Amino acid sequence: MNEIISTLAQVDPLWIYIIIFGVSYIENLFPPLPSDVAVVFGGALASLGRGNFFLALNAAVFGSTLGFITMYT
C-alpha cells in the first residue's frame, strides 16, 4: 500500500481529482465499482500534503451526484 501511495504522490493532483470524480460517477452507472478506494487514496495523499482533502471530497460528491442524476433521468 505504501508503494501505491508513493507512486500516486508523484502524479499531478489534478489527475487524482479527475480520477476520483470519474470513478464516483461510474459507480452509479455500474454499482460493483468501488469508488471508496479512490477516495481513500485521495485522503491519504491529502494527509501527505500532496493534495487537498476538500477538493478530493468535492470531486467524489459531485461525481456521485452527477452519476445519480444520470441514472435517474
Foldseek 3Di string as FASTA:
>chain_A
DVVVLVVVLVDQVVVLLVVLLQQLLVCLVPVVRDSVVSLVSQVVSVVVVSYPNVSSVVSNVVSNVVSNVVVVD
